[in-house]
């Protein structure tokens, strides 16, 4: 707008100069028909000279206006080109902004998924740690029970060994007593005043056999590898 206003300022004096020039030409054309006095001719020549000066000034102003017009046209063309360039840059920026927004949405969605996966992994880790703690506690308890069982086994082995020794000793004593009683002679029996008859002897033998079987059944035999 400022450039157009400046152009109008140059154009207005040009129009005034043109009108003045036309007026002077008309006056000059009427000069031959006026009185041919030197004073009047001198005034006319002076007027013509002034008109020529004004014409020269107006022509200079017109040239300046044309130059300014050309410069303004070049500036306008450059401004239009710059405007198109800026519009292209704005469009490119808008397109880039749209792509950036899409990338931001995608990145936000991916971040949300990563956070969910992280929460799931954290929960799984917590569950695994709890399971590990429970397993460790159970293992410690099992080891303690194993130690108790091993100690109990050791005590049982000692008790069994003691019982075996006592049982063998008892068995040997029983067998010795039975052997002595079984191999008594008649003289020994009569000496002890035991009135055995034939029937009584059979009963005694049966009784001895029964006790012998009981002693054999009660004898503790440790199984191999037991």
C-alpha atoms as a PDB file:
ATOM      1  CA  UNK A   1       0.000   0.000   0.000  1.00  0.00           C
ATOM      2  CA  UNK A   2       2.832   2.423   0.801  1.00  0.00           C
ATOM      3  CA  UNK A   3       4.424   1.728  -2.563  1.00  0.00           C
ATOM      4  CA  UNK A   4       1.143   2.408  -4.420  1.00  0.00           C
ATOM      5  CA  UNK A   5       0.655   5.621  -2.427  1.00  0.00           C
ATOM      6  CA  UNK A   6       4.137   6.757  -3.406  1.00  0.00           C
ATOM      7  CA  UNK A   7       3.347   5.979  -7.048  1.00  0.00           C
ATOM      8  CA  UNK A   8       0.193   8.103  -6.877  1.00  0.00           C
ATOM      9  CA  UNK A   9       2.250  10.980  -5.473  1.00  0.00           C
ATOM     10  CA  UNK A  10       4.494  10.805  -8.529  1.00  0.00           C
ATOM     11  CA  UNK A  11       1.582  10.489 -10.957  1.00  0.00           C
ATOM     12  CA  UNK A  12      -0.333  13.558  -9.677  1.00  0.00           C
ATOM     13  CA  UNK A  13       2.437  16.126 -10.484  1.00  0.00           C
ATOM     14  CA  UNK A  14       2.858  14.476 -13.865  1.00  0.00           C
ATOM     15  CA  UNK A  15      -0.782  15.016 -14.719  1.00  0.00           C
ATOM     16  CA  UNK A  16      -0.580  18.678 -13.616  1.00  0.00           C
ATOM     17  CA  UNK A  17       2.516  19.194 -15.747  1.00  0.00           C
ATOM     18  CA  UNK A  18       0.794  17.711 -18.787  1.00  0.00           C
ATOM     19  CA  UNK A  19      -2.182  20.033 -18.380  1.00  0.00           C
ATOM     20  CA  UNK A  20       0.123  23.000 -17.983  1.00  0.00           C
ATOM     21  CA  UNK A  21       1.994  22.030 -21.118  1.00  0.00           C
ATOM     22  CA  UNK A  22      -1.213  21.758 -23.111  1.00  0.00           C
ATOM     23  CA  UNK A  23      -2.285  25.147 -21.863  1.00  0.00           C
ATOM     24  CA  UNK A  24       1.001  26.717 -22.881  1.00  0.00           C
ATOM     25  CA  UNK A  25       0.835  25.168 -26.338  1.00  0.00           C
ATOM     26  CA  UNK A  26      -2.605  26.631 -26.829  1.00  0.00           C
ATOM     27  CA  UNK A  27      -1.369  30.013 -25.760  1.00  0.00           C
ATOM     28  CA  UNK A  28       1.590  29.736 -28.105  1.00  0.00           C
ATOM     29  CA  UNK A  29      -0.686  28.851 -31.018  1.00  0.00           C
ATOM     30  CA  UNK A  30      -2.669  32.019 -30.400  1.00  0.00           C
ATOM     31  CA  UNK A  31       0.430  34.201 -30.253  1.00  0.00           C
ATOM     32  CA  UNK A  32       0.633  34.990 -34.066  1.00  0.00           C
ATOM     33  CA  UNK A  33      -2.869  36.376 -33.927  1.00  0.00           C
ATOM     34  CA  UNK A  34      -2.058  38.780 -31.037  1.00  0.00           C
ATOM     35  CA  UNK A  35      -0.515  42.153 -31.284  1.00  0.00           C
ATOM     36  CA  UNK A  36       3.082  41.954 -32.555  1.00  0.00           C
ATOM     37  CA  UNK A  37       4.697  43.962 -29.891  1.00  0.00           C
ATOM     38  CA  UNK A  38       8.144  43.208 -28.618  1.00  0.00           C
ATOM     39  CA  UNK A  39       7.081  43.308 -25.033  1.00  0.00           C
ATOM     40  CA  UNK A  40       4.348  40.788 -25.635  1.00  0.00           C
ATOM     41  CA  UNK A  41       6.651  38.606 -27.713  1.00  0.00           C
ATOM     42  CA  UNK A  42       9.190  38.727 -24.957  1.00  0.00           C
ATOM     43  CA  UNK A  43       6.596  37.649 -22.427  1.00  0.00           C
ATOM     44  CA  UNK A  44       5.529  34.834 -24.719  1.00  0.00           C
ATOM     45  CA  UNK A  45       9.100  33.684 -25.190  1.00  0.00           C
ATOM     46  CA  UNK A  46       9.563  33.761 -21.451  1.00  0.00           C
ATOM     47  CA  UNK A  47       6.358  31.856 -20.997  1.00  0.00           C
ATOM     48  CA  UNK A  48       7.443  29.323 -23.619  1.00  0.00           C
ATOM     49  CA  UNK A  49      10.774  28.917 -21.908  1.00  0.00           C
ATOM     50  CA  UNK A  50       9.022  28.312 -18.616  1.00  0.00           C
ATOM     51  CA  UNK A  51       6.717  25.842 -20.286  1.00  0.00           C
ATOM     52  CA  UNK A  52       9.697  24.035 -21.744  1.00  0.00           C
ATOM     53  CA  UNK A  53      11.327  23.963 -18.321  1.00  0.00           C
ATOM     54  CA  UNK A  54       8.137  22.615 -16.800  1.00  0.00           C
ATOM     55  CA  UNK A  55       7.915  20.098 -19.623  1.00  0.00           C
ATOM     56  CA  UNK A  56      11.463  19.001 -18.957  1.00  0.00           C
ATOM     57  CA  UNK A  57      10.709  18.718 -15.244  1.00  0.00           C
ATOM     58  CA  UNK A  58       7.536  16.768 -15.944  1.00  0.00           C
ATOM     59  CA  UNK A  59       9.422  14.468 -18.305  1.00  0.00           C
ATOM     60  CA  UNK A  60      12.025  13.874 -15.612  1.00  0.00           C
ATOM     61  CA  UNK A  61       9.270  13.158 -13.128  1.00  0.00           C
ATOM     62  CA  UNK A  62       7.668  10.772 -15.626  1.00  0.00           C
ATOM     63  CA  UNK A  63      10.980   8.968 -16.093  1.00  0.00           C
ATOM     64  CA  UNK A  64      11.384   8.737 -12.335  1.00  0.00           C
ATOM     65  CA  UNK A  65       7.833   7.452 -12.018  1.00  0.00           C
ATOM     66  CA  UNK A  66       8.466   4.842 -14.726  1.00  0.00           C
ATOM     67  CA  UNK A  67      11.636   3.739 -12.960  1.00  0.00           C
ATOM     68  CA  UNK A  68       9.817   3.579  -9.648  1.00  0.00           C
ATOM     69  CA  UNK A  69       7.003   1.691 -11.331  1.00  0.00           C
ATOM     70  CA  UNK A  70       9.470  -0.807 -12.792  1.00  0.00           C
ATOM     71  CA  UNK A  71      11.179  -1.156  -9.434  1.00  0.00           C
ATOM     72  CA  UNK A  72       7.846  -1.632  -7.674  1.00  0.00           C
ATOM     73  CA  UNK A  73       6.809  -4.204 -10.288  1.00  0.00           C
ATOM     74  CA  UNK A  74      10.071  -6.067  -9.739  1.00  0.00           C
ATOM     75  CA  UNK A  75       9.583  -5.860  -5.981  1.00  0.00           C
ATOM     76  CA  UNK A  76       6.014  -7.086  -6.398  1.00  0.00           C
ATOM     77  CA  UNK A  77       7.149  -9.996  -8.547  1.00  0.00           C
ATOM     78  CA  UNK A  78       9.861 -10.829  -6.041  1.00  0.00           C
ATOM     79  CA  UNK A  79       7.350 -10.542  -3.195  1.00  0.00           C
ATOM     80  CA  UNK A  80       4.947 -12.839  -5.033  1.00  0.00           C
ATOM     81  CA  UNK A  81       7.741 -15.332  -5.621  1.00  0.00           C
ATOM     82  CA  UNK A  82       8.752 -15.063  -1.979  1.00  0.00           C
ATOM     83  CA  UNK A  83       5.110 -15.475  -0.990  1.00  0.00           C
ATOM     84  CA  UNK A  84       4.851 -18.654  -3.064  1.00  0.00           C
ATOM     85  CA  UNK A  85       8.068 -19.906  -1.512  1.00  0.00           C
ATOM     86  CA  UNK A  86       6.770 -19.134   1.960  1.00  0.00           C
ATOM     87  CA  UNK A  87       3.444 -20.796   1.129  1.00  0.00           C
ATOM     88  CA  UNK A  88       5.356 -23.869  -0.027  1.00  0.00           C
ATOM     89  CA  UNK A  89       7.379 -23.840   3.164  1.00  0.00           C
ATOM     90  CA  UNK A  90       4.202 -23.470   5.228  1.00  0.00           C
ATOM     91  CA  UNK A  91       2.606 -26.382   3.366  1.00  0.00           C
ATOM     92  CA  UNK A  92       5.757 -28.442   3.893  1.00  0.00           C
ATOM     93  CA  UNK A  93       5.803 -27.533   7.576  1.00  0.00           C
ATOM     94  CA  UNK A  94       2.132 -28.446   7.907  1.00  0.00           C
ATOM     95  CA  UNK A  95       2.792 -31.778   6.215  1.00  0.00           C
ATOM     96  CA  UNK A  96       5.794 -32.335   8.457  1.00  0.00           C
ATOM     97  CA  UNK A  97       3.721 -31.378  11.478  1.00  0.00           C
ATOM     98  CA  UNK A  98       1.055 -33.889  10.490  1.00  0.00           C
ATOM     99  CA  UNK A  99       3.677 -36.596  10.067  1.00  0.00           C
ATOM    100  CA  UNK A 100       5.231 -35.613  13.398  1.00  0.00           C
ATOM    101  CA  UNK A 101       1.837 -35.863  15.088  1.00  0.00           C
ATOM    102  CA  UNK A 102       1.338 -39.336  13.621  1.00  0.00           C
ATOM    103  CA  UNK A 103       4.808 -40.336  14.783  1.00  0.00           C
ATOM    104  CA  UNK A 104       4.022 -38.922  18.229  1.00  0.00           C
ATOM    105  CA  UNK A 105       0.779 -40.916  18.405  1.00  0.00           C
ATOM    106  CA  UNK A 106       2.601 -44.082  17.303  1.00  0.00           C
ATOM    107  CA  UNK A 107       5.420 -43.466  19.789  1.00  0.00           C
ATOM    108  CA  UNK A 108       2.896 -42.821  22.578  1.00  0.00           C
ATOM    109  CA  UNK A 109       1.055 -46.049  21.741  1.00  0.00           C
ATOM    110  CA  UNK A 110       4.332 -47.976  21.664  1.00  0.00           C
ATOM    111  CA  UNK A 111       5.346 -46.427  24.987  1.00  0.00           C
ATOM    112  CA  UNK A 112       2.026 -47.514  26.494  1.00  0.00           C
ATOM    113  CA  UNK A 113       2.584 -51.081  25.268  1.00  0.00           C
ATOM    114  CA  UNK A 114       6.123 -51.084  26.658  1.00  0.00           C
ATOM    115  CA  UNK A 115       4.829 -49.867  30.024  1.00  0.00           C
ATOM    116  CA  UNK A 116       2.190 -52.628  30.048  1.00  0.00           C
ATOM    117  CA  UNK A 117       4.808 -55.244  29.153  1.00  0.00           C
ATOM    118  CA  UNK A 118       7.086 -53.851  31.852  1.00  0.00           C
ATOM    119  CA  UNK A 119       4.284 -54.059  34.415  1.00  0.00           C
ATOM    120  CA  UNK A 120       3.571 -57.656  33.357  1.00  0.00           C
ATOM    121  CA  UNK A 121       7.261 -58.543  33.549  1.00  0.00           C
ATOM    122  CA  UNK A 122       7.514 -56.906  36.982  1.00  0.00           C
ATOM    123  CA  UNK A 123       4.528 -58.911  38.222  1.00  0.00           C
ATOM    124  CA  UNK A 124       6.002 -62.116  36.795  1.00  0.00           C
ATOM    125  CA  UNK A 125       9.313 -61.297  38.454  1.00  0.00           C
ATOM    126  CA  UNK A 126       7.557 -60.713  41.775  1.00  0.00           C
ATOM    127  CA  UNK A 127       5.698 -64.035  41.402  1.00  0.00           C
ATOM    128  CA  UNK A 128       8.943 -65.794  40.489  1.00  0.00           C
ATOM    129  CA  UNK A 129      10.717 -64.284  43.481  1.00  0.00           C
ATOM    130  CA  UNK A 130       7.879 -65.407  45.759  1.00  0.00           C
ATOM    131  CA  UNK A 131       7.989 -68.892  44.256  1.00  0.00           C
ATOM    132  CA  UNK A 132      11.756 -68.944  44.695  1.00  0.00           C
ATOM    133  CA  UNK A 133      11.406 -67.851  48.320  1.00  0.00           C
ATOM    134  CA  UNK A 134       8.771 -70.542  48.948  1.00  0.00           C
ATOM    135  CA  UNK A 135      10.926 -73.144  47.202  1.00  0.00           C
ATOM    136  CA  UNK A 136      13.986 -72.080  49.184  1.00  0.00           C
ATOM    137  CA  UNK A 137      12.029 -72.324  52.421  1.00  0.00           C
ATOM    138  CA  UNK A 138      10.672 -75.742  51.437  1.00  0.00           C
ATOM    139  CA  UNK A 139      14.184 -76.868  50.498  1.00  0.00           C
ATOM    140  CA  UNK A 140      15.540 -75.702  53.839  1.00  0.00           C
ATOM    141  CA  UNK A 141      12.704 -77.501  55.604  1.00  0.00           C
ATOM    142  CA  UNK A 142      13.357 -80.637  53.546  1.00  0.00           C
ATOM    143  CA  UNK A 143      17.051 -80.482  54.378  1.00  0.00           C
ATOM    144  CA  UNK A 144      16.209 -80.085  58.056  1.00  0.00           C
ATOM    145  CA  UNK A 145      13.840 -83.043  57.854  1.00  0.00           C
ATOM    146  CA  UNK A 146      16.537 -85.006  56.050  1.00  0.00           C
ATOM    147  CA  UNK A 147      19.011 -84.223  58.810  1.00  0.00           C
ATOM    148  CA  UNK A 148      16.427 -85.291  61.396  1.00  0.00           C
ATOM    149  CA  UNK A 149      15.727 -88.503  59.473  1.00  0.00           C
ATOM    150  CA  UNK A 150      19.427 -89.214  59.123  1.00  0.00           C
ATOM    151  CA  UNK A 151      19.878 -88.680  62.860  1.00  0.00           C
ATOM    152  CA  UNK A 152      16.853 -90.905  63.521  1.00  0.00           C
ATOM    153  CA  UNK A 153      18.252 -93.495  61.127  1.00  0.00           C
ATOM    154  CA  UNK A 154      21.567 -93.413  62.960  1.00  0.00           C
ATOM    155  CA  UNK A 155      19.800 -93.918  66.291  1.00  0.00           C
ATOM    156  CA  UNK A 156      17.717 -96.747  64.845  1.00  0.00           C
ATOM    157  CA  UNK A 157      20.814 -98.389  63.424  1.00  0.00           C
ATOM    158  CA  UNK A 158      22.465 -98.200  66.833  1.00  0.00           C
ATOM    159  CA  UNK A 159      19.309 -99.577  68.473  1.00  0.00           C
ATOM    160  CA  UNK A 160      19.056-102.343  65.902  1.00  0.00           C
ATOM    161  CA  UNK A 161      22.707-103.252  66.367  1.00  0.00           C
ATOM    162  CA  UNK A 162      22.173-103.340  70.122  1.00  0.00           C
ATOM    163  CA  UNK A 163      19.056-105.467  69.706  1.00  0.00           C
ATOM    164  CA  UNK A 164      20.926-107.791  67.381  1.00  0.00           C
ATOM    165  CA  UNK A 165      23.683-108.275  69.923  1.00  0.00           C
ATOM    166  CA  UNK A 166      21.197-108.832  72.727  1.00  0.00           C
ATOM    167  CA  UNK A 167      19.071-111.112  70.605  1.00  0.00           C
ATOM    168  CA  UNK A 168      22.040-113.210  69.545  1.00  0.00           C
ATOM    169  CA  UNK A 169      23.174-113.432  73.142  1.00  0.00           C
ATOM    170  CA  UNK A 170      19.668-114.362  74.303  1.00  0.00           C
ATOM    171  CA  UNK A 171      19.381-116.882  71.516  1.00  0.00           C
ATOM    172  CA  UNK A 172      22.677-118.450  72.455  1.00  0.00           C
ATOM    173  CA  UNK A 173      21.645-118.635  76.108  1.00  0.00           C
ATOM    174  CA  UNK A 174      18.308-120.173  75.205  1.00  0.00           C
ATOM    175  CA  UNK A 175      19.889-122.695  72.889  1.00  0.00           C
ATOM    176  CA  UNK A 176      22.469-123.552  75.504  1.00  0.00           C
ATOM    177  CA  UNK A 177      19.789-124.105  78.134  1.00  0.00           C
ATOM    178  CA  UNK A 178      17.722-126.173  75.770  1.00  0.00           C
ATOM    179  CA  UNK A 179      20.733-128.200  74.704  1.00  0.00           C
ATOM    180  CA  UNK A 180      21.624-128.914  78.314  1.00  0.00           C
ATOM    181  CA  UNK A 181      18.071-129.872  79.180  1.00  0.00           C
ATOM    182  CA  UNK A 182      17.675-131.914  76.002  1.00  0.00           C
ATOM    183  CA  UNK A 183      20.835-133.936  76.542  1.00  0.00           C
ATOM    184  CA  UNK A 184      20.275-134.810  80.201  1.00  0.00           C
ATOM    185  CA  UNK A 185      20.931-138.393  80.988  1.00  0.00           C
ATOM    186  CA  UNK A 186      18.573-140.599  82.896  1.00  0.00           C
ATOM    187  CA  UNK A 187      20.972-140.554  85.788  1.00  0.00           C
ATOM    188  CA  UNK A 188      20.859-136.798  85.886  1.00  0.00           C
ATOM    189  CA  UNK A 189      17.103-136.870  85.744  1.00  0.00           C
ATOM    190  CA  UNK A 190      16.895-139.433  88.558  1.00  0.00           C
ATOM    191  CA  UNK A 191      19.439-137.499  90.540  1.00  0.00           C
ATOM    192  CA  UNK A 192      17.260-134.457  90.336  1.00  0.00           C
ATOM    193  CA  UNK A 193      14.310-136.608  91.344  1.00  0.00           C
ATOM    194  CA  UNK A 194      12.282-135.849  88.269  1.00  0.00           C
ATOM    195  CA  UNK A 195       9.850-138.706  87.824  1.00  0.00           C
ATOM    196  CA  UNK A 196       9.652-138.772  84.005  1.00  0.00           C
ATOM    197  CA  UNK A 197       7.603-141.482  82.423  1.00  0.00           C
ATOM    198  CA  UNK A 198       7.516-142.269  78.736  1.00  0.00           C
ATOM    199  CA  UNK A 199       4.484-140.028  78.216  1.00  0.00           C
ATOM    200  CA  UNK A 200       6.017-137.281  80.220  1.00  0.00           C
ATOM    201  CA  UNK A 201       9.141-137.406  78.089  1.00  0.00           C
ATOM    202  CA  UNK A 202       7.137-136.971  74.888  1.00  0.00           C
ATOM    203  CA  UNK A 203       5.361-133.950  76.316  1.00  0.00           C
ATOM    204  CA  UNK A 204       8.649-132.483  77.405  1.00  0.00           C
ATOM    205  CA  UNK A 205      10.150-132.977  73.969  1.00  0.00           C
ATOM    206  CA  UNK A 206       7.141-131.342  72.386  1.00  0.00           C
ATOM    207  CA  UNK A 207       7.451-128.426  74.755  1.00  0.00           C
ATOM    208  CA  UNK A 208      11.148-128.077  73.998  1.00  0.00           C
ATOM    209  CA  UNK A 209      10.452-128.120  70.274  1.00  0.00           C
ATOM    210  CA  UNK A 210       7.811-125.435  70.671  1.00  0.00           C
ATOM    211  CA  UNK A 211      10.180-123.152  72.590  1.00  0.00           C
ATOM    212  CA  UNK A 212      12.930-123.838  70.100  1.00  0.00           C
ATOM    213  CA  UNK A 213      10.664-122.653  67.282  1.00  0.00           C
ATOM    214  CA  UNK A 214       9.712-119.557  69.234  1.00  0.00           C
ATOM    215  CA  UNK A 215      13.348-118.687  69.868  1.00  0.00           C
ATOM    216  CA  UNK A 216      14.131-119.190  66.176  1.00  0.00           C
ATOM    217  CA  UNK A 217      11.232-116.904  65.235  1.00  0.00           C
ATOM    218  CA  UNK A 218      12.349-114.219  67.683  1.00  0.00           C
ATOM    219  CA  UNK A 219      15.926-114.174  66.453  1.00  0.00           C
ATOM    220  CA  UNK A 220      16.505-110.869  64.618  1.00  0.00           C
ATOM    221  CA  UNK A 221      18.307-111.335  61.323  1.00  0.00           C
ATOM    222  CA  UNK A 222      19.364-108.034  59.705  1.00  0.00           C
ATOM    223  CA  UNK A 223      18.649-108.137  55.961  1.00  0.00           C
ATOM    224  CA  UNK A 224      21.571-107.503  53.601  1.00  0.00           C
ATOM    225  CA  UNK A 225      22.063-103.767  53.061  1.00  0.00           C
ATOM    226  CA  UNK A 226      19.495-102.930  55.740  1.00  0.00           C
END
